[in-house]
Full PDB file with SEQRES, HELIX, SHEET, SSBOND, CRYST1, ORIGX, SCALE, CONECT and MASTER records, all heavy atoms in Angstrom:
SEQRES   1 A   34  ALA ARG ASP PHE TYR ASP ARG TRP ILE GLY GLU SER GLY          
SEQRES   2 A   34  PHE ALA SER LEU LEU GLY ARG LEU ILE PHE ARG LEU SER          
SEQRES   3 A   34  GLY ALA VAL TYR THR ARG THR PHE                              
HELIX    1 AA1 ARG A    2  GLY A   10  1                                   9    
HELIX    2 AA2 PHE A   14  TYR A   30  1                                  17    
CRYST1    1.000    1.000    1.000  90.00  90.00  90.00 P 1           1          
ORIGX1      1.000000  0.000000  0.000000        0.00000                         
ORIGX2      0.000000  1.000000  0.000000        0.00000                         
ORIGX3      0.000000  0.000000  1.000000        0.00000                         
SCALE1      1.000000  0.000000  0.000000        0.00000                         
SCALE2      0.000000  1.000000  0.000000        0.00000                         
SCALE3      0.000000  0.000000  1.000000        0.00000                         
ATOM      1  N   ALA A   1       0.834  -1.213   0.007  1.00  0.00           N  
ATOM      2  CA  ALA A   1      -0.009   0.003   0.003  1.00  0.00           C  
ATOM      3  C   ALA A   1       0.859   1.240  -0.006  1.00  0.00           C  
ATOM      4  O   ALA A   1       0.611   2.220  -0.739  1.00  0.00           O  
ATOM      5  CB  ALA A   1      -0.923   0.000   1.206  1.00  0.00           C  
ATOM      6  N   ARG A   2       1.913   1.267   0.836  1.00  0.00           N  
ATOM      7  CA  ARG A   2       2.797   2.423   0.883  1.00  0.00           C  
ATOM      8  C   ARG A   2       3.469   2.677  -0.449  1.00  0.00           C  
ATOM      9  O   ARG A   2       3.525   3.817  -0.950  1.00  0.00           O  
ATOM     10  CB  ARG A   2       3.878   2.211   1.954  1.00  0.00           C  
ATOM     11  CG  ARG A   2       4.878   3.368   2.075  1.00  0.00           C  
ATOM     12  CD  ARG A   2       6.165   2.912   2.725  1.00  0.00           C  
ATOM     13  NE  ARG A   2       6.794   1.831   2.025  1.00  0.00           N  
ATOM     14  CZ  ARG A   2       7.814   1.125   2.500  1.00  0.00           C  
ATOM     15  NH1 ARG A   2       8.295   1.356   3.686  1.00  0.00           N  
ATOM     16  NH2 ARG A   2       8.338   0.156   1.744  1.00  0.00           N  
ATOM     17  N   ASP A   3       4.010   1.615  -1.082  1.00  0.00           N  
ATOM     18  CA  ASP A   3       4.711   1.792  -2.367  1.00  0.00           C  
ATOM     19  C   ASP A   3       3.747   2.277  -3.451  1.00  0.00           C  
ATOM     20  O   ASP A   3       4.117   3.098  -4.301  1.00  0.00           O  
ATOM     21  CB  ASP A   3       5.355   0.468  -2.776  1.00  0.00           C  
ATOM     22  CG  ASP A   3       6.478   0.081  -1.831  1.00  0.00           C  
ATOM     23  OD1 ASP A   3       6.965   0.909  -1.086  1.00  0.00           O  
ATOM     24  OD2 ASP A   3       6.886  -1.111  -1.882  1.00  0.00           O  
ATOM     25  N   PHE A   4       2.517   1.803  -3.393  1.00  0.00           N  
ATOM     26  CA  PHE A   4       1.485   2.200  -4.366  1.00  0.00           C  
ATOM     27  C   PHE A   4       1.282   3.728  -4.281  1.00  0.00           C  
ATOM     28  O   PHE A   4       1.316   4.424  -5.295  1.00  0.00           O  
ATOM     29  CB  PHE A   4       0.209   1.466  -4.108  1.00  0.00           C  
ATOM     30  CG  PHE A   4      -0.987   1.948  -4.853  1.00  0.00           C  
ATOM     31  CD1 PHE A   4      -1.086   1.811  -6.225  1.00  0.00           C  
ATOM     32  CD2 PHE A   4      -2.068   2.597  -4.187  1.00  0.00           C  
ATOM     33  CE1 PHE A   4      -2.179   2.293  -6.964  1.00  0.00           C  
ATOM     34  CE2 PHE A   4      -3.158   3.063  -4.905  1.00  0.00           C  
ATOM     35  CZ  PHE A   4      -3.231   2.904  -6.271  1.00  0.00           C  
ATOM     36  N   TYR A   5       1.113   4.266  -3.064  1.00  0.00           N  
ATOM     37  CA  TYR A   5       0.815   5.667  -2.899  1.00  0.00           C  
ATOM     38  C   TYR A   5       2.090   6.522  -3.093  1.00  0.00           C  
ATOM     39  O   TYR A   5       2.008   7.623  -3.606  1.00  0.00           O  
ATOM     40  CB  TYR A   5       0.187   5.918  -1.534  1.00  0.00           C  
ATOM     41  CG  TYR A   5      -1.295   5.628  -1.530  1.00  0.00           C  
ATOM     42  CD1 TYR A   5      -1.753   4.462  -0.957  1.00  0.00           C  
ATOM     43  CD2 TYR A   5      -2.199   6.467  -2.181  1.00  0.00           C  
ATOM     44  CE1 TYR A   5      -3.116   4.156  -0.982  1.00  0.00           C  
ATOM     45  CE2 TYR A   5      -3.538   6.195  -2.209  1.00  0.00           C  
ATOM     46  CZ  TYR A   5      -4.007   5.005  -1.612  1.00  0.00           C  
ATOM     47  OH  TYR A   5      -5.327   4.714  -1.656  1.00  0.00           O  
ATOM     48  N   ASP A   6       3.220   6.018  -2.643  1.00  0.00           N  
ATOM     49  CA  ASP A   6       4.466   6.775  -2.856  1.00  0.00           C  
ATOM     50  C   ASP A   6       4.702   6.985  -4.347  1.00  0.00           C  
ATOM     51  O   ASP A   6       5.105   8.069  -4.776  1.00  0.00           O  
ATOM     52  CB  ASP A   6       5.664   6.044  -2.235  1.00  0.00           C  
ATOM     53  CG  ASP A   6       5.827   6.364  -0.752  1.00  0.00           C  
ATOM     54  OD1 ASP A   6       5.130   7.259  -0.269  1.00  0.00           O  
ATOM     55  OD2 ASP A   6       6.661   5.686  -0.090  1.00  0.00           O  
ATOM     56  N   ARG A   7       4.500   5.929  -5.145  1.00  0.00           N  
ATOM     57  CA  ARG A   7       4.694   6.087  -6.596  1.00  0.00           C  
ATOM     58  C   ARG A   7       3.622   6.956  -7.218  1.00  0.00           C  
ATOM     59  O   ARG A   7       3.923   7.817  -8.033  1.00  0.00           O  
ATOM     60  CB  ARG A   7       4.693   4.698  -7.262  1.00  0.00           C  
ATOM     61  CG  ARG A   7       5.906   3.833  -6.980  1.00  0.00           C  
ATOM     62  CD  ARG A   7       5.986   2.678  -7.958  1.00  0.00           C  
ATOM     63  NE  ARG A   7       4.776   1.848  -7.933  1.00  0.00           N  
ATOM     64  CZ  ARG A   7       4.620   0.836  -7.103  1.00  0.00           C  
ATOM     65  NH1 ARG A   7       5.563   0.497  -6.240  1.00  0.00           N  
ATOM     66  NH2 ARG A   7       3.507   0.135  -7.120  1.00  0.00           N  
ATOM     67  N   TRP A   8       2.368   6.707  -6.853  1.00  0.00           N  
ATOM     68  CA  TRP A   8       1.276   7.460  -7.480  1.00  0.00           C  
ATOM     69  C   TRP A   8       1.359   8.959  -7.170  1.00  0.00           C  
ATOM     70  O   TRP A   8       1.259   9.797  -8.075  1.00  0.00           O  
ATOM     71  CB  TRP A   8      -0.032   6.890  -6.988  1.00  0.00           C  
ATOM     72  CG  TRP A   8      -1.241   7.557  -7.599  1.00  0.00           C  
ATOM     73  CD1 TRP A   8      -1.337   8.156  -8.832  1.00  0.00           C  
ATOM     74  CD2 TRP A   8      -2.558   7.646  -7.029  1.00  0.00           C  
ATOM     75  NE1 TRP A   8      -2.622   8.621  -9.029  1.00  0.00           N  
ATOM     76  CE2 TRP A   8      -3.389   8.310  -7.958  1.00  0.00           C  
ATOM     77  CE3 TRP A   8      -3.125   7.194  -5.828  1.00  0.00           C  
ATOM     78  CZ2 TRP A   8      -4.723   8.577  -7.683  1.00  0.00           C  
ATOM     79  CZ3 TRP A   8      -4.439   7.453  -5.586  1.00  0.00           C  
ATOM     80  CH2 TRP A   8      -5.241   8.121  -6.504  1.00  0.00           C  
ATOM     81  N   ILE A   9       1.590   9.296  -5.914  1.00  0.00           N  
ATOM     82  CA  ILE A   9       1.553  10.693  -5.494  1.00  0.00           C  
ATOM     83  C   ILE A   9       2.891  11.378  -5.662  1.00  0.00           C  
ATOM     84  O   ILE A   9       2.988  12.602  -5.914  1.00  0.00           O  
ATOM     85  CB  ILE A   9       1.095  10.792  -3.998  1.00  0.00           C  
ATOM     86  CG1 ILE A   9      -0.305  10.206  -3.858  1.00  0.00           C  
ATOM     87  CG2 ILE A   9       1.160  12.206  -3.498  1.00  0.00           C  
ATOM     88  CD1 ILE A   9      -1.338  10.859  -4.702  1.00  0.00           C  
ATOM     89  N   GLY A  10       3.992  10.630  -5.575  1.00  0.00           N  
ATOM     90  CA  GLY A  10       5.302  11.253  -5.538  1.00  0.00           C  
ATOM     91  C   GLY A  10       5.923  11.575  -6.895  1.00  0.00           C  
ATOM     92  O   GLY A  10       6.913  12.311  -6.974  1.00  0.00           O  
ATOM     93  N   GLU A  11       5.381  11.061  -7.961  1.00  0.00           N  
ATOM     94  CA  GLU A  11       5.983  11.278  -9.268  1.00  0.00           C  
ATOM     95  C   GLU A  11       5.527  12.608  -9.869  1.00  0.00           C  
ATOM     96  O   GLU A  11       4.740  13.334  -9.293  1.00  0.00           O  
ATOM     97  CB  GLU A  11       5.656  10.093 -10.209  1.00  0.00           C  
ATOM     98  CG  GLU A  11       6.288   8.767  -9.735  1.00  0.00           C  
ATOM     99  CD  GLU A  11       5.941   7.583 -10.573  1.00  0.00           C  
ATOM    100  OE1 GLU A  11       5.153   7.789 -11.542  1.00  0.00           O  
ATOM    101  OE2 GLU A  11       6.433   6.486 -10.319  1.00  0.00           O  
ATOM    102  N   SER A  12       5.991  12.912 -11.079  1.00  0.00           N  
ATOM    103  CA  SER A  12       5.727  14.218 -11.677  1.00  0.00           C  
ATOM    104  C   SER A  12       4.813  14.150 -12.869  1.00  0.00           C  
ATOM    105  O   SER A  12       4.536  15.182 -13.489  1.00  0.00           O  
ATOM    106  CB  SER A  12       7.041  14.873 -12.081  1.00  0.00           C  
ATOM    107  OG  SER A  12       7.755  14.048 -12.988  1.00  0.00           O  
ATOM    108  N   GLY A  13       4.328  12.968 -13.235  1.00  0.00           N  
ATOM    109  CA  GLY A  13       3.501  12.815 -14.399  1.00  0.00           C  
ATOM    110  C   GLY A  13       2.050  13.226 -14.176  1.00  0.00           C  
ATOM    111  O   GLY A  13       1.659  13.637 -13.051  1.00  0.00           O  
ATOM    112  N   PHE A  14       1.246  13.098 -15.240  1.00  0.00           N  
ATOM    113  CA  PHE A  14      -0.168  13.525 -15.143  1.00  0.00           C  
ATOM    114  C   PHE A  14      -0.946  12.736 -14.108  1.00  0.00           C  
ATOM    115  O   PHE A  14      -1.769  13.295 -13.357  1.00  0.00           O  
ATOM    116  CB  PHE A  14      -0.821  13.297 -16.555  1.00  0.00           C  
ATOM    117  CG  PHE A  14      -2.314  13.604 -16.523  1.00  0.00           C  
ATOM    118  CD1 PHE A  14      -2.767  14.927 -16.466  1.00  0.00           C  
ATOM    119  CD2 PHE A  14      -3.222  12.586 -16.526  1.00  0.00           C  
ATOM    120  CE1 PHE A  14      -4.132  15.182 -16.445  1.00  0.00           C  
ATOM    121  CE2 PHE A  14      -4.584  12.846 -16.523  1.00  0.00           C  
ATOM    122  CZ  PHE A  14      -5.044  14.158 -16.492  1.00  0.00           C  
ATOM    123  N   ALA A  15      -0.702  11.409 -14.025  1.00  0.00           N  
ATOM    124  CA  ALA A  15      -1.431  10.599 -13.050  1.00  0.00           C  
ATOM    125  C   ALA A  15      -1.187  11.072 -11.618  1.00  0.00           C  
ATOM    126  O   ALA A  15      -2.109  11.107 -10.794  1.00  0.00           O  
ATOM    127  CB  ALA A  15      -1.029   9.131 -13.182  1.00  0.00           C  
ATOM    128  N   SER A  16       0.074  11.446 -11.300  1.00  0.00           N  
ATOM    129  CA  SER A  16       0.383  11.930  -9.972  1.00  0.00           C  
ATOM    130  C   SER A  16      -0.261  13.285  -9.707  1.00  0.00           C  
ATOM    131  O   SER A  16      -0.752  13.558  -8.615  1.00  0.00           O  
ATOM    132  CB  SER A  16       1.897  12.014  -9.789  1.00  0.00           C  
ATOM    133  OG  SER A  16       2.465  10.718  -9.794  1.00  0.00           O  
ATOM    134  N   LEU A  17      -0.222  14.156 -10.725  1.00  0.00           N  
ATOM    135  CA  LEU A  17      -0.885  15.451 -10.575  1.00  0.00           C  
ATOM    136  C   LEU A  17      -2.377  15.300 -10.310  1.00  0.00           C  
ATOM    137  O   LEU A  17      -2.941  15.948  -9.461  1.00  0.00           O  
ATOM    138  CB  LEU A  17      -0.637  16.298 -11.821  1.00  0.00           C  
ATOM    139  CG  LEU A  17       0.787  16.779 -12.057  1.00  0.00           C  
ATOM    140  CD1 LEU A  17       0.909  17.444 -13.429  1.00  0.00           C  
ATOM    141  CD2 LEU A  17       1.201  17.751 -10.939  1.00  0.00           C  
ATOM    142  N   LEU A  18      -2.975  14.373 -11.055  1.00  0.00           N  
ATOM    143  CA  LEU A  18      -4.402  14.116 -10.872  1.00  0.00           C  
ATOM    144  C   LEU A  18      -4.682  13.537  -9.486  1.00  0.00           C  
ATOM    145  O   LEU A  18      -5.628  13.900  -8.797  1.00  0.00           O  
ATOM    146  CB  LEU A  18      -4.896  13.155 -11.952  1.00  0.00           C  
ATOM    147  CG  LEU A  18      -6.370  12.767 -11.886  1.00  0.00           C  
ATOM    148  CD1 LEU A  18      -7.283  14.001 -12.059  1.00  0.00           C  
ATOM    149  CD2 LEU A  18      -6.740  11.733 -12.978  1.00  0.00           C  
ATOM    150  N   GLY A  19      -3.811  12.611  -9.058  1.00  0.00           N  
ATOM    151  CA  GLY A  19      -3.944  12.010  -7.726  1.00  0.00           C  
ATOM    152  C   GLY A  19      -3.878  13.047  -6.610  1.00  0.00           C  
ATOM    153  O   GLY A  19      -4.679  13.033  -5.692  1.00  0.00           O  
ATOM    154  N   ARG A  20      -2.927  13.956  -6.713  1.00  0.00           N  
ATOM    155  CA  ARG A  20      -2.800  14.987  -5.689  1.00  0.00           C  
ATOM    156  C   ARG A  20      -4.014  15.899  -5.664  1.00  0.00           C  
ATOM    157  O   ARG A  20      -4.486  16.349  -4.614  1.00  0.00           O  
ATOM    158  CB  ARG A  20      -1.507  15.780  -5.902  1.00  0.00           C  
ATOM    159  CG  ARG A  20      -0.266  14.950  -5.628  1.00  0.00           C  
ATOM    160  CD  ARG A  20       0.978  15.820  -5.513  1.00  0.00           C  
ATOM    161  NE  ARG A  20       1.378  16.406  -6.799  1.00  0.00           N  
ATOM    162  CZ  ARG A  20       2.178  15.845  -7.665  1.00  0.00           C  
ATOM    163  NH1 ARG A  20       2.643  14.612  -7.483  1.00  0.00           N  
ATOM    164  NH2 ARG A  20       2.508  16.472  -8.768  1.00  0.00           N  
ATOM    165  N   LEU A  21      -4.562  16.175  -6.861  1.00  0.00           N  
ATOM    166  CA  LEU A  21      -5.788  17.016  -6.948  1.00  0.00           C  
ATOM    167  C   LEU A  21      -6.962  16.272  -6.270  1.00  0.00           C  
ATOM    168  O   LEU A  21      -7.724  16.892  -5.520  1.00  0.00           O  
ATOM    169  CB  LEU A  21      -6.122  17.274  -8.408  1.00  0.00           C  
ATOM    170  CG  LEU A  21      -7.415  18.062  -8.628  1.00  0.00           C  
ATOM    171  CD1 LEU A  21      -7.376  19.400  -7.987  1.00  0.00           C  
ATOM    172  CD2 LEU A  21      -7.680  18.187 -10.150  1.00  0.00           C  
ATOM    173  N   ILE A  22      -7.094  14.977  -6.549  1.00  0.00           N  
ATOM    174  CA  ILE A  22      -8.150  14.201  -5.927  1.00  0.00           C  
ATOM    175  C   ILE A  22      -8.066  14.262  -4.396  1.00  0.00           C  
ATOM    176  O   ILE A  22      -9.059  14.457  -3.705  1.00  0.00           O  
ATOM    177  CB  ILE A  22      -8.129  12.750  -6.425  1.00  0.00           C  
ATOM    178  CG1 ILE A  22      -8.536  12.687  -7.889  1.00  0.00           C  
ATOM    179  CG2 ILE A  22      -9.003  11.840  -5.580  1.00  0.00           C  
ATOM    180  CD1 ILE A  22      -8.305  11.336  -8.517  1.00  0.00           C  
ATOM    181  N   PHE A  23      -6.843  14.083  -3.874  1.00  0.00           N  
ATOM    182  CA  PHE A  23      -6.699  14.070  -2.396  1.00  0.00           C  
ATOM    183  C   PHE A  23      -6.922  15.464  -1.836  1.00  0.00           C  
ATOM    184  O   PHE A  23      -7.428  15.607  -0.703  1.00  0.00           O  
ATOM    185  CB  PHE A  23      -5.329  13.533  -2.019  1.00  0.00           C  
ATOM    186  CG  PHE A  23      -5.289  12.052  -1.988  1.00  0.00           C  
ATOM    187  CD1 PHE A  23      -4.832  11.332  -3.092  1.00  0.00           C  
ATOM    188  CD2 PHE A  23      -5.727  11.349  -0.876  1.00  0.00           C  
ATOM    189  CE1 PHE A  23      -4.797   9.951  -3.074  1.00  0.00           C  
ATOM    190  CE2 PHE A  23      -5.716   9.959  -0.863  1.00  0.00           C  
ATOM    191  CZ  PHE A  23      -5.245   9.246  -1.969  1.00  0.00           C  
ATOM    192  N   ARG A  24      -6.598  16.501  -2.565  1.00  0.00           N  
ATOM    193  CA  ARG A  24      -6.874  17.854  -2.081  1.00  0.00           C  
ATOM    194  C   ARG A  24      -8.376  18.109  -2.029  1.00  0.00           C  
ATOM    195  O   ARG A  24      -8.928  18.749  -1.115  1.00  0.00           O  
ATOM    196  CB  ARG A  24      -6.189  18.901  -2.924  1.00  0.00           C  
ATOM    197  CG  ARG A  24      -4.666  18.916  -2.775  1.00  0.00           C  
ATOM    198  CD  ARG A  24      -4.029  20.101  -3.448  1.00  0.00           C  
ATOM    199  NE  ARG A  24      -2.568  20.079  -3.307  1.00  0.00           N  
ATOM    200  CZ  ARG A  24      -1.749  19.686  -4.288  1.00  0.00           C  
ATOM    201  NH1 ARG A  24      -2.229  19.382  -5.469  1.00  0.00           N  
ATOM    202  NH2 ARG A  24      -0.446  19.652  -4.097  1.00  0.00           N  
ATOM    203  N   LEU A  25      -9.072  17.587  -3.066  1.00  0.00           N  
ATOM    204  CA  LEU A  25     -10.524  17.780  -3.097  1.00  0.00           C  
ATOM    205  C   LEU A  25     -11.282  16.964  -2.044  1.00  0.00           C  
ATOM    206  O   LEU A  25     -12.401  17.238  -1.679  1.00  0.00           O  
ATOM    207  CB  LEU A  25     -11.061  17.423  -4.476  1.00  0.00           C  
ATOM    208  CG  LEU A  25     -10.686  18.357  -5.599  1.00  0.00           C  
ATOM    209  CD1 LEU A  25     -11.167  17.757  -6.942  1.00  0.00           C  
ATOM    210  CD2 LEU A  25     -11.309  19.725  -5.401  1.00  0.00           C  
ATOM    211  N   SER A  26     -10.609  15.919  -1.500  1.00  0.00           N  
ATOM    212  CA  SER A  26     -11.261  15.046  -0.523  1.00  0.00           C  
ATOM    213  C   SER A  26     -11.661  15.815   0.718  1.00  0.00           C  
ATOM    214  O   SER A  26     -12.664  15.490   1.366  1.00  0.00           O  
ATOM    215  CB  SER A  26     -10.334  13.877  -0.122  1.00  0.00           C  
ATOM    216  OG  SER A  26      -9.199  14.315   0.579  1.00  0.00           O  
ATOM    217  N   GLY A  27     -10.951  16.878   1.039  1.00  0.00           N  
ATOM    218  CA  GLY A  27     -11.342  17.696   2.189  1.00  0.00           C  
ATOM    219  C   GLY A  27     -12.753  18.280   2.018  1.00  0.00           C  
ATOM    220  O   GLY A  27     -13.546  18.234   2.929  1.00  0.00           O  
ATOM    221  N   ALA A  28     -13.016  18.762   0.808  1.00  0.00           N  
ATOM    222  CA  ALA A  28     -14.315  19.357   0.547  1.00  0.00           C  
ATOM    223  C   ALA A  28     -15.393  18.247   0.446  1.00  0.00           C  
ATOM    224  O   ALA A  28     -16.551  18.481   0.911  1.00  0.00           O  
ATOM    225  CB  ALA A  28     -14.261  20.157  -0.772  1.00  0.00           C  
ATOM    226  N   VAL A  29     -15.045  17.097  -0.067  1.00  0.00           N  
ATOM    227  CA  VAL A  29     -16.051  16.049  -0.286  1.00  0.00           C  
ATOM    228  C   VAL A  29     -16.451  15.399   1.034  1.00  0.00           C  
ATOM    229  O   VAL A  29     -17.646  15.119   1.283  1.00  0.00           O  
ATOM    230  CB  VAL A  29     -15.487  14.967  -1.231  1.00  0.00           C  
ATOM    231  CG1 VAL A  29     -16.389  13.780  -1.341  1.00  0.00           C  
ATOM    232  CG2 VAL A  29     -15.215  15.571  -2.592  1.00  0.00           C  
ATOM    233  N   TYR A  30     -15.503  15.120   1.912  1.00  0.00           N  
ATOM    234  CA  TYR A  30     -15.772  14.283   3.098  1.00  0.00           C  
ATOM    235  C   TYR A  30     -15.960  15.069   4.402  1.00  0.00           C  
ATOM    236  O   TYR A  30     -16.493  14.514   5.360  1.00  0.00           O  
ATOM    237  CB  TYR A  30     -14.621  13.332   3.313  1.00  0.00           C  
ATOM    238  CG  TYR A  30     -14.519  12.243   2.256  1.00  0.00           C  
ATOM    239  CD1 TYR A  30     -13.388  12.152   1.447  1.00  0.00           C  
ATOM    240  CD2 TYR A  30     -15.549  11.305   2.079  1.00  0.00           C  
ATOM    241  CE1 TYR A  30     -13.256  11.178   0.472  1.00  0.00           C  
ATOM    242  CE2 TYR A  30     -15.436  10.324   1.118  1.00  0.00           C  
ATOM    243  CZ  TYR A  30     -14.290  10.244   0.330  1.00  0.00           C  
ATOM    244  OH  TYR A  30     -14.196   9.269  -0.630  1.00  0.00           O  
ATOM    245  N   THR A  31     -15.554  16.315   4.457  1.00  0.00           N  
ATOM    246  CA  THR A  31     -15.483  17.012   5.728  1.00  0.00           C  
ATOM    247  C   THR A  31     -16.858  17.189   6.373  1.00  0.00           C  
ATOM    248  O   THR A  31     -17.019  16.975   7.582  1.00  0.00           O  
ATOM    249  CB  THR A  31     -14.817  18.381   5.581  1.00  0.00           C  
ATOM    250  OG1 THR A  31     -13.479  18.175   5.136  1.00  0.00           O  
ATOM    251  CG2 THR A  31     -14.755  19.136   6.898  1.00  0.00           C  
ATOM    252  N   ARG A  32     -17.865  17.593   5.598  1.00  0.00           N  
ATOM    253  CA  ARG A  32     -19.185  17.836   6.158  1.00  0.00           C  
ATOM    254  C   ARG A  32     -19.709  16.578   6.871  1.00  0.00           C  
ATOM    255  O   ARG A  32     -20.218  16.623   7.970  1.00  0.00           O  
ATOM    256  CB  ARG A  32     -20.130  18.298   5.070  1.00  0.00           C  
ATOM    257  CG  ARG A  32     -21.538  18.606   5.588  1.00  0.00           C  
ATOM    258  CD  ARG A  32     -22.494  18.877   4.424  1.00  0.00           C  
ATOM    259  NE  ARG A  32     -22.100  20.073   3.658  1.00  0.00           N  
ATOM    260  CZ  ARG A  32     -22.478  21.279   3.938  1.00  0.00           C  
ATOM    261  NH1 ARG A  32     -23.282  21.504   4.988  1.00  0.00           N  
ATOM    262  NH2 ARG A  32     -22.098  22.290   3.232  1.00  0.00           N  
ATOM    263  N   THR A  33     -19.548  15.422   6.180  1.00  0.00           N  
ATOM    264  CA  THR A  33     -19.984  14.168   6.733  1.00  0.00           C  
ATOM    265  C   THR A  33     -19.216  13.839   8.013  1.00  0.00           C  
ATOM    266  O   THR A  33     -19.789  13.399   9.020  1.00  0.00           O  
ATOM    267  CB  THR A  33     -19.899  13.015   5.758  1.00  0.00           C  
ATOM    268  OG1 THR A  33     -20.685  13.298   4.611  1.00  0.00           O  
ATOM    269  CG2 THR A  33     -20.332  11.693   6.351  1.00  0.00           C  
ATOM    270  N   PHE A  34     -17.910  14.018   8.001  1.00  0.00           N  
ATOM    271  CA  PHE A  34     -17.063  13.711   9.125  1.00  0.00           C  
ATOM    272  C   PHE A  34     -17.484  14.535  10.343  1.00  0.00           C  
ATOM    273  O   PHE A  34     -17.629  14.001  11.427  1.00  0.00           O  
ATOM    274  CB  PHE A  34     -15.598  13.949   8.762  1.00  0.00           C  
ATOM    275  CG  PHE A  34     -14.650  13.748   9.898  1.00  0.00           C  
ATOM    276  CD1 PHE A  34     -14.722  12.656  10.723  1.00  0.00           C  
ATOM    277  CD2 PHE A  34     -13.642  14.692  10.136  1.00  0.00           C  
ATOM    278  CE1 PHE A  34     -13.842  12.465  11.758  1.00  0.00           C  
ATOM    279  CE2 PHE A  34     -12.760  14.509  11.182  1.00  0.00           C  
ATOM    280  CZ  PHE A  34     -12.860  13.392  11.986  1.00  0.00           C  
TER     281      PHE A  34                                                      
MASTER        0    0    0    2    0    0    0    6  280    1    0    3          
END                                                                             
């Protein structure tokens, strides 16, 4: 699990940029419910 996220989030390609955007948006998506 750690290696999966380190590679996905830590690289510089489009997939990593998209991944970081998704995680930043998670605050808006989940916070109200939390």
